[in-house]
Protein backbone atom coordinates (compact mmCIF):
# COMPACT_ATOMS: atom_id res chain seq x y z
CA UNK A 1 -11.35 -15.37 172.89
CA UNK A 2 -15.38 -13.75 173.24
CA UNK A 3 -14.81 -10.46 174.62
CA UNK A 4 -18.74 -9.37 175.33
CA UNK A 5 -19.65 -5.49 176.09
CA UNK A 6 -21.74 -4.59 179.06
CA UNK A 7 -22.91 -1.03 180.72
CA UNK A 8 -21.08 1.51 180.49
CA UNK A 9 -18.31 0.22 178.13
CA UNK A 10 -17.50 -2.88 180.26
CA UNK A 11 -16.18 -5.30 178.90
CA UNK A 12 -15.94 -9.26 179.78
CA UNK A 13 -14.02 -11.86 178.32
CA UNK A 14 -14.19 -15.48 177.30
CA UNK A 15 -12.07 -18.34 176.31
CA UNK A 16 -13.75 -21.40 174.38
CA UNK A 17 -11.01 -23.64 172.33
CA UNK A 18 -12.28 -25.94 169.42
CA UNK A 19 -9.90 -27.71 167.89
CA UNK A 20 -10.38 -28.89 164.46
CA UNK A 21 -10.44 -32.70 163.95
CA UNK A 22 -7.75 -34.46 162.42
CA UNK A 23 -8.93 -35.66 159.06
CA UNK A 24 -12.27 -33.09 158.92
CA UNK A 25 -13.50 -32.09 155.22
CA UNK A 26 -11.42 -28.89 153.93
CA UNK A 27 -13.60 -25.80 153.28
CA UNK A 28 -15.53 -23.29 155.02
CA UNK A 29 -16.18 -23.31 158.90
CA UNK A 30 -18.45 -21.03 160.56
CA UNK A 31 -18.55 -20.14 164.16
CA UNK A 32 -21.02 -18.25 165.66
CA UNK A 33 -21.44 -16.63 168.71
CA UNK A 34 -24.81 -15.45 169.94
CA UNK A 35 -27.00 -15.63 172.94
CA UNK A 36 -29.72 -18.33 173.27
CA UNK A 37 -32.64 -16.98 170.52
CA UNK A 38 -30.28 -16.62 168.00
CA UNK A 39 -29.01 -20.11 168.68
CA UNK A 40 -31.87 -21.75 168.62
CA UNK A 41 -32.96 -19.31 165.64
CA UNK A 42 -30.58 -20.79 163.76
CA UNK A 43 -30.73 -24.11 164.70
CA UNK A 44 -34.37 -24.17 162.96
CA UNK A 45 -35.45 -25.40 166.28
CA UNK A 46 -39.47 -25.35 166.30
CA UNK A 47 -41.76 -27.70 166.57
CA UNK A 48 -44.36 -28.00 164.02
CA UNK A 49 -48.05 -27.66 165.61
CA UNK A 50 -49.70 -29.28 162.67
CA UNK A 51 -50.32 -32.39 164.11
CA UNK A 52 -50.79 -33.50 168.04
CA UNK A 53 -47.56 -34.82 169.90
CA UNK A 54 -47.63 -37.13 172.88
CA UNK A 55 -46.09 -34.72 176.10
CA UNK A 56 -43.09 -36.89 176.05
CA UNK A 57 -42.63 -34.99 172.47
CA UNK A 58 -43.07 -31.46 173.78
CA UNK A 59 -41.43 -32.08 176.80
CA UNK A 60 -38.01 -33.38 174.95
CA UNK A 61 -38.54 -30.34 172.60
CA UNK A 62 -38.64 -28.04 175.55
CA UNK A 63 -35.39 -29.59 177.26
CA UNK A 64 -33.59 -29.67 174.21
CA UNK A 65 -34.06 -25.52 174.04
CA UNK A 66 -31.49 -23.64 174.89
CA UNK A 67 -31.53 -21.10 177.84
CA UNK A 68 -30.57 -17.59 178.05
CA UNK A 69 -28.76 -17.74 180.79
CA UNK A 70 -25.84 -18.59 179.23
CA UNK A 71 -23.67 -18.14 175.61
CA UNK A 72 -23.13 -20.55 172.70
CA UNK A 73 -20.71 -21.09 170.29
CA UNK A 74 -22.26 -23.23 167.21
CA UNK A 75 -19.37 -24.67 164.94
CA UNK A 76 -21.43 -25.58 161.76
CA UNK A 77 -20.59 -26.45 158.07
CA UNK A 78 -23.32 -25.53 155.17
CA UNK A 79 -23.65 -29.16 154.70
CA UNK A 80 -27.24 -30.54 154.43
CA UNK A 81 -28.89 -31.19 157.44
CA UNK A 82 -32.38 -32.72 157.70
CA UNK A 83 -35.81 -32.39 160.99
CA UNK A 84 -38.38 -35.54 160.82
CA UNK A 85 -40.77 -35.17 162.97
CA UNK A 86 -39.05 -32.45 165.14
CA UNK A 87 -35.26 -34.79 165.72
CA UNK A 88 -32.47 -34.16 163.89
CA UNK A 89 -31.29 -35.81 161.24
CA UNK A 90 -27.60 -34.17 160.48
CA UNK A 91 -25.83 -35.34 157.41
CA UNK A 92 -27.98 -38.30 155.69
CA UNK A 93 -26.43 -39.83 152.73
CA UNK A 94 -26.99 -38.21 148.94
CA UNK A 95 -29.69 -40.28 148.20
CA UNK A 96 -31.43 -39.67 151.72
CA UNK A 97 -31.27 -36.30 151.31
CA UNK A 98 -32.45 -36.68 147.58
CA UNK A 99 -35.71 -38.00 149.13
CA UNK A 100 -35.58 -35.60 151.96
CA UNK A 101 -35.46 -32.49 149.90
CA UNK A 102 -39.05 -33.72 148.04
CA UNK A 103 -42.05 -31.99 149.65
CA UNK A 104 -43.41 -34.66 152.65
CA UNK A 105 -45.43 -34.68 155.54
CA UNK A 106 -43.41 -34.21 158.55
CA UNK A 107 -40.26 -33.63 157.08
CA UNK A 108 -37.83 -30.30 156.42
CA UNK A 109 -38.02 -29.74 152.85
CA UNK A 110 -35.14 -26.95 153.18
CA UNK A 111 -32.12 -28.55 154.20
CA UNK A 112 -30.62 -26.93 157.39
CA UNK A 113 -26.76 -26.25 158.02
CA UNK A 114 -25.25 -29.09 159.84
CA UNK A 115 -23.95 -28.02 163.35
CA UNK A 116 -20.58 -29.53 164.69
CA UNK A 117 -19.65 -28.82 167.93
CA UNK A 118 -21.34 -26.35 170.83
CA UNK A 119 -19.86 -24.75 173.15
CA UNK A 120 -21.38 -23.04 176.30
CA UNK A 121 -20.09 -19.78 178.49
CA UNK A 122 -21.28 -18.00 181.48
CA UNK A 123 -22.97 -15.10 181.11
CA UNK A 124 -22.65 -13.81 184.15
CA UNK A 125 -24.94 -10.99 185.22
CA UNK A 126 -25.47 -10.22 181.85
CA UNK A 127 -28.16 -9.89 179.33
CA UNK A 128 -26.76 -11.48 176.18
CA UNK A 129 -28.28 -10.04 173.01
CA UNK A 130 -27.17 -10.86 169.65
CA UNK A 131 -24.71 -12.76 167.23
CA UNK A 132 -21.47 -12.42 165.36
CA UNK A 133 -20.03 -15.15 162.75
CA UNK A 134 -17.00 -16.14 161.53
CA UNK A 135 -15.82 -18.41 158.96
CA UNK A 136 -12.45 -20.26 158.73
CA UNK A 137 -11.07 -21.88 155.42
CA UNK A 138 -10.13 -25.50 156.42
CA UNK A 139 -7.02 -26.63 154.00
CA UNK A 140 -5.05 -29.86 153.87
């Protein structure tokens, strides 16, 4: 249950559910509830301007950004994910991760976190700002 505080102390509740799939790896699972800019930043959605890009890539990138009319719940792990030429490459094999962590042109050299799932909820007439992250330990 997500509770959003509004003006004059008003509160709005939103129910969002996520079922952990059977066979999921054990370890820490994180849930970040936030606004669009916070979630975009958490997913390191940026478009490097080091080299000219075709208009189709720029449009695809802009369309991938979250809108500010909704709230978001990002389910993620601290597992490696990479970005190559502005495209996500989540959870590569260890041999590929080793190669990608080296400095290469067009590759994010800092491993990112892996997004497992994402849910949205309507903000209604509210303007959402900020975020909150909770962690859950998954055991067998």
